[in-house]
Amino acid sequence: MGQQDKLKGQWPPHVWYPPHPDPISSSNVEKGEGSFAYSKPFPKPEHESGGLTERDIAVADIWPLLPAAVGAGAAILLLLMANHKQWNDENENEGFEGYPEPQNTPVGSAVVVIYSIVATAGVSYYVYRVLSSTDGHLLTAFIPTVSAITLLLIYFAVAYDLEYHMVPGSFKGSDFGNDIVSELFTFTYFSITTFATASMGDFSPISNASRILVTLEVLFFIYIFTMGIVFFADP
């Protein structure tokens, strides 16, 4: 029995074997005759070859936004508690109108101011990281930047409302509302107009704490405006 007869049943023809890793040098292959196998792997698509970019990491790293988000949520809970207390007082005293006079709390105002500085610094840092990691594609940073700015505007609106409850007379205006929904709407309007430096003069800060809060929001606008000039101006 010959060598071919011994190996006849060991190599079935239907089994596919991987091609040789080295390129085949043959006159038939060079001339395009016969069959040959590719020795190089297929290239990966461009969208699969690259990993996470620096911009993706900066957008996903949202820890600088947590102070503003947590502060806004905690302040809304405090306002709901104050609104519930006012509702109970109205039921007990039928002739009562408006909110009860809360005590002057300078410590609470100082806490709101200090926390607002931290929240503003966190959002400012997040916006800087997103804009500085865009690699020239600035439009890709539009949604995360606008979202961060909107979050801080909502935080300032809630902080204004909380300061308005803690210190009566901290803001001057004709009508702030008689419930938490109308008050939040009023101070959201005040926060947006303050950020845009387009205040209509119908509401204005009176106390030192409220003036500091308004100054923080205006400084944040100057920061965003400056960042826009630096990153979006034509070279």
Protein backbone atom coordinates (compact mmCIF):
# COMPACT_ATOMS: atom_id res chain seq x y z
CA MET A 1 0.00 0.00 0.00
CA GLY A 2 1.41 3.31 -1.03
CA GLN A 3 1.67 6.61 0.94
CA GLN A 4 -1.34 8.10 -0.83
CA ASP A 5 -3.50 5.10 0.00
CA LYS A 6 -2.68 5.49 3.71
CA LEU A 7 -3.70 9.19 3.78
CA LYS A 8 -6.72 8.84 1.54
CA GLY A 9 -9.29 8.64 4.39
CA GLN A 10 -7.63 11.14 6.72
CA TRP A 11 -8.11 14.37 4.75
CA PRO A 12 -11.76 14.70 3.74
CA PRO A 13 -12.20 17.08 0.82
CA HIS A 14 -15.15 18.96 2.38
CA VAL A 15 -13.13 20.31 5.32
CA TRP A 16 -11.86 23.87 4.80
CA TYR A 17 -8.35 24.63 5.96
CA PRO A 18 -7.07 28.17 6.62
CA PRO A 19 -4.84 29.66 3.94
CA HIS A 20 -1.13 29.87 4.34
CA PRO A 21 -0.13 33.07 6.21
CA ASP A 22 2.66 33.82 3.77
CA PRO A 23 1.83 35.22 0.35
CA ILE A 24 1.93 32.68 -2.44
CA SER A 25 4.56 33.37 -5.05
CA SER A 26 3.64 31.50 -8.16
CA SER A 27 3.75 32.25 -11.81
CA ASN A 28 0.13 31.17 -12.14
CA VAL A 29 -0.97 33.60 -9.44
CA GLU A 30 0.99 36.45 -10.99
CA LYS A 31 -0.61 35.74 -14.34
CA GLY A 32 -4.06 35.48 -12.76
CA GLU A 33 -4.38 31.79 -13.57
CA GLY A 34 -5.60 29.23 -11.11
CA SER A 35 -7.00 29.89 -7.66
CA PHE A 36 -5.33 31.60 -4.77
CA ALA A 37 -6.26 32.61 -1.20
CA TYR A 38 -5.93 36.03 0.43
CA SER A 39 -3.21 36.12 3.07
CA LYS A 40 -4.15 39.51 4.57
CA PRO A 41 -7.16 39.92 6.88
CA PHE A 42 -10.08 42.08 5.81
CA PRO A 43 -9.77 45.66 7.13
CA LYS A 44 -12.17 46.67 9.87
CA PRO A 45 -14.75 49.36 9.16
CA GLU A 46 -13.81 52.84 10.28
CA HIS A 47 -16.64 53.02 12.83
CA GLU A 48 -15.41 49.81 14.48
CA SER A 49 -11.67 50.43 14.37
CA GLY A 50 -11.66 53.47 16.67
CA GLY A 51 -12.50 53.45 20.36
CA LEU A 52 -13.94 56.15 22.58
CA THR A 53 -12.77 59.64 21.73
CA GLU A 54 -11.75 62.26 24.23
CA ARG A 55 -14.99 64.13 23.59
CA ASP A 56 -17.08 61.03 24.33
CA ILE A 57 -15.27 60.58 27.64
CA ALA A 58 -15.73 64.25 28.55
CA VAL A 59 -19.46 64.17 27.74
CA ALA A 60 -20.04 60.96 29.72
CA ASP A 61 -18.08 62.20 32.74
CA ILE A 62 -20.98 64.11 34.31
CA TRP A 63 -19.77 64.28 37.90
CA PRO A 64 -19.23 68.10 37.68
CA LEU A 65 -22.99 68.44 37.01
CA LEU A 66 -24.02 66.54 40.14
CA PRO A 67 -23.90 69.53 42.55
CA ALA A 68 -26.33 71.51 40.39
CA ALA A 69 -28.65 68.53 39.85
CA VAL A 70 -28.66 67.41 43.50
CA GLY A 71 -29.01 70.99 44.75
CA ALA A 72 -31.98 71.68 42.48
CA GLY A 73 -33.70 68.47 43.60
CA ALA A 74 -33.12 69.16 47.31
CA ALA A 75 -34.35 72.74 46.98
CA ILE A 76 -37.52 71.59 45.22
CA LEU A 77 -38.21 69.16 48.08
CA LEU A 78 -37.78 71.99 50.60
CA LEU A 79 -40.15 74.17 48.59
CA LEU A 80 -42.73 71.39 48.49
CA MET A 81 -42.50 71.09 52.28
CA ALA A 82 -42.95 74.85 52.62
CA ASN A 83 -45.93 74.73 50.29
CA HIS A 84 -47.48 71.91 52.33
CA LYS A 85 -47.02 73.92 55.53
CA GLN A 86 -48.66 76.95 53.94
CA TRP A 87 -51.61 74.79 52.81
CA ASN A 88 -52.09 73.48 56.38
CA ASP A 89 -51.95 77.01 57.82
CA GLU A 90 -54.59 78.16 55.36
CA ASN A 91 -56.88 75.34 56.43
CA GLU A 92 -56.43 76.21 60.10
CA ASN A 93 -56.87 79.95 59.55
CA GLU A 94 -59.57 80.64 57.01
CA GLY A 95 -58.81 84.32 56.86
CA PHE A 96 -55.08 83.81 56.17
CA GLU A 97 -53.79 85.05 52.80
CA GLY A 98 -50.33 84.50 51.37
CA TYR A 99 -47.37 82.74 52.87
CA PRO A 100 -46.58 83.01 56.58
CA GLU A 101 -43.67 85.20 57.50
CA PRO A 102 -40.66 82.86 57.88
CA GLN A 103 -37.82 83.78 60.17
CA ASN A 104 -34.78 85.52 58.81
CA THR A 105 -32.14 82.80 58.27
CA PRO A 106 -28.77 84.29 57.29
CA VAL A 107 -27.12 80.88 57.84
CA GLY A 108 -29.43 79.32 55.28
CA SER A 109 -28.70 82.13 52.83
CA ALA A 110 -24.96 81.59 53.28
CA VAL A 111 -25.38 77.87 52.59
CA VAL A 112 -27.34 78.62 49.41
CA VAL A 113 -24.69 81.09 48.22
CA ILE A 114 -21.75 78.75 48.92
CA TYR A 115 -23.49 75.80 47.30
CA SER A 116 -24.37 77.95 44.28
CA ILE A 117 -20.69 78.79 43.84
CA VAL A 118 -19.83 75.08 43.86
CA ALA A 119 -22.63 74.26 41.38
CA THR A 120 -21.59 77.08 39.04
CA ALA A 121 -17.95 75.99 39.16
CA GLY A 122 -18.92 72.39 38.38
CA VAL A 123 -21.02 73.29 35.33
CA SER A 124 -18.33 75.71 34.11
CA TYR A 125 -15.70 72.97 34.36
CA TYR A 126 -17.93 70.51 32.49
CA VAL A 127 -18.54 72.98 29.65
CA TYR A 128 -14.80 73.68 29.40
CA ARG A 129 -13.94 69.98 29.19
CA VAL A 130 -16.54 69.33 26.50
CA LEU A 131 -15.48 72.30 24.37
CA SER A 132 -11.76 71.67 24.74
CA SER A 133 -12.07 68.02 23.65
CA THR A 134 -14.08 68.49 20.46
CA ASP A 135 -11.04 68.18 18.14
CA GLY A 136 -12.36 70.88 15.84
CA HIS A 137 -15.89 69.45 15.58
CA LEU A 138 -17.58 72.07 17.73
CA LEU A 139 -21.13 71.27 16.65
CA THR A 140 -20.88 67.89 18.37
CA ALA A 141 -20.57 69.73 21.70
CA PHE A 142 -23.81 71.67 21.20
CA ILE A 143 -26.23 69.28 22.94
CA PRO A 144 -24.12 68.54 26.08
CA THR A 145 -23.21 72.22 26.47
CA VAL A 146 -26.80 73.45 26.14
CA SER A 147 -27.98 70.72 28.53
CA ALA A 148 -25.44 71.79 31.16
CA ILE A 149 -26.41 75.47 30.81
CA THR A 150 -30.12 74.62 31.08
CA LEU A 151 -29.47 72.61 34.24
CA LEU A 152 -27.73 75.56 35.88
CA LEU A 153 -30.52 77.96 34.85
CA ILE A 154 -33.05 75.65 36.52
CA TYR A 155 -30.85 75.44 39.61
CA PHE A 156 -30.67 79.23 39.91
CA ALA A 157 -34.44 79.49 39.51
CA VAL A 158 -34.96 77.06 42.39
CA ALA A 159 -32.26 78.79 44.46
CA TYR A 160 -33.99 82.15 43.97
CA ASP A 161 -37.30 80.68 45.06
CA LEU A 162 -35.71 79.07 48.13
CA GLU A 163 -34.05 82.35 49.10
CA TYR A 164 -37.37 84.12 48.59
CA HIS A 165 -38.95 81.78 51.15
CA MET A 166 -36.14 81.88 53.68
CA VAL A 167 -35.68 85.65 53.68
CA PRO A 168 -38.88 87.63 53.01
CA GLY A 169 -38.24 90.74 50.96
CA SER A 170 -35.09 89.33 49.32
CA PHE A 171 -36.66 90.04 45.92
CA LYS A 172 -38.76 92.97 44.82
CA GLY A 173 -41.58 92.44 42.36
CA SER A 174 -45.27 92.88 41.73
CA ASP A 175 -46.46 89.26 41.58
CA PHE A 176 -44.38 86.18 42.37
CA GLY A 177 -47.32 83.79 42.62
CA ASN A 178 -49.27 82.16 45.44
CA ASP A 179 -48.18 78.55 44.95
CA ILE A 180 -45.00 76.69 44.18
CA VAL A 181 -45.79 76.16 40.49
CA SER A 182 -46.39 79.84 39.75
CA GLU A 183 -43.36 80.83 41.84
CA LEU A 184 -41.07 78.42 40.01
CA PHE A 185 -42.38 79.72 36.70
CA THR A 186 -41.72 83.31 37.81
CA PHE A 187 -38.19 82.61 39.02
CA THR A 188 -37.41 80.52 35.92
CA TYR A 189 -38.36 83.56 33.87
CA PHE A 190 -36.19 85.70 36.15
CA SER A 191 -33.27 83.25 35.84
CA ILE A 192 -33.41 83.18 32.03
CA THR A 193 -33.62 86.96 31.70
CA THR A 194 -30.79 87.38 34.21
CA PHE A 195 -28.57 84.93 32.30
CA ALA A 196 -29.35 86.69 29.03
CA THR A 197 -28.72 90.09 30.71
CA ALA A 198 -32.12 91.18 29.40
CA SER A 199 -33.95 91.81 32.66
CA MET A 200 -37.18 93.73 32.21
CA GLY A 201 -36.94 95.35 35.63
CA ASP A 202 -40.17 93.78 36.95
CA PHE A 203 -38.15 91.71 39.48
CA SER A 204 -34.96 92.70 41.24
CA PRO A 205 -32.82 91.38 44.12
CA ILE A 206 -32.86 93.29 47.40
CA SER A 207 -30.94 91.26 49.98
CA ASN A 208 -27.19 90.65 49.86
CA ALA A 209 -27.61 86.92 49.28
CA SER A 210 -30.00 87.40 46.37
CA ARG A 211 -27.65 89.94 44.81
CA ILE A 212 -24.75 87.49 45.09
CA LEU A 213 -26.83 84.81 43.39
CA VAL A 214 -27.71 87.15 40.54
CA THR A 215 -24.06 88.19 40.21
CA LEU A 216 -23.01 84.51 39.98
CA GLU A 217 -25.43 83.89 37.16
CA VAL A 218 -24.27 86.97 35.26
CA LEU A 219 -20.64 85.91 35.71
CA PHE A 220 -21.55 82.50 34.35
CA PHE A 221 -23.01 84.20 31.26
CA ILE A 222 -19.76 86.15 30.80
CA TYR A 223 -17.83 82.89 31.10
CA ILE A 224 -20.00 81.12 28.50
CA PHE A 225 -19.81 84.14 26.18
CA THR A 226 -16.02 84.19 26.46
CA MET A 227 -15.78 80.45 25.82
CA GLY A 228 -17.95 80.88 22.75
CA ILE A 229 -15.63 83.54 21.37
CA VAL A 230 -12.52 81.43 22.05
CA PHE A 231 -13.77 78.13 20.63
CA PHE A 232 -16.20 79.23 17.91
CA ALA A 233 -14.44 82.26 16.45
CA ASP A 234 -12.78 81.73 13.09
CA PRO A 235 -8.99 81.43 13.33
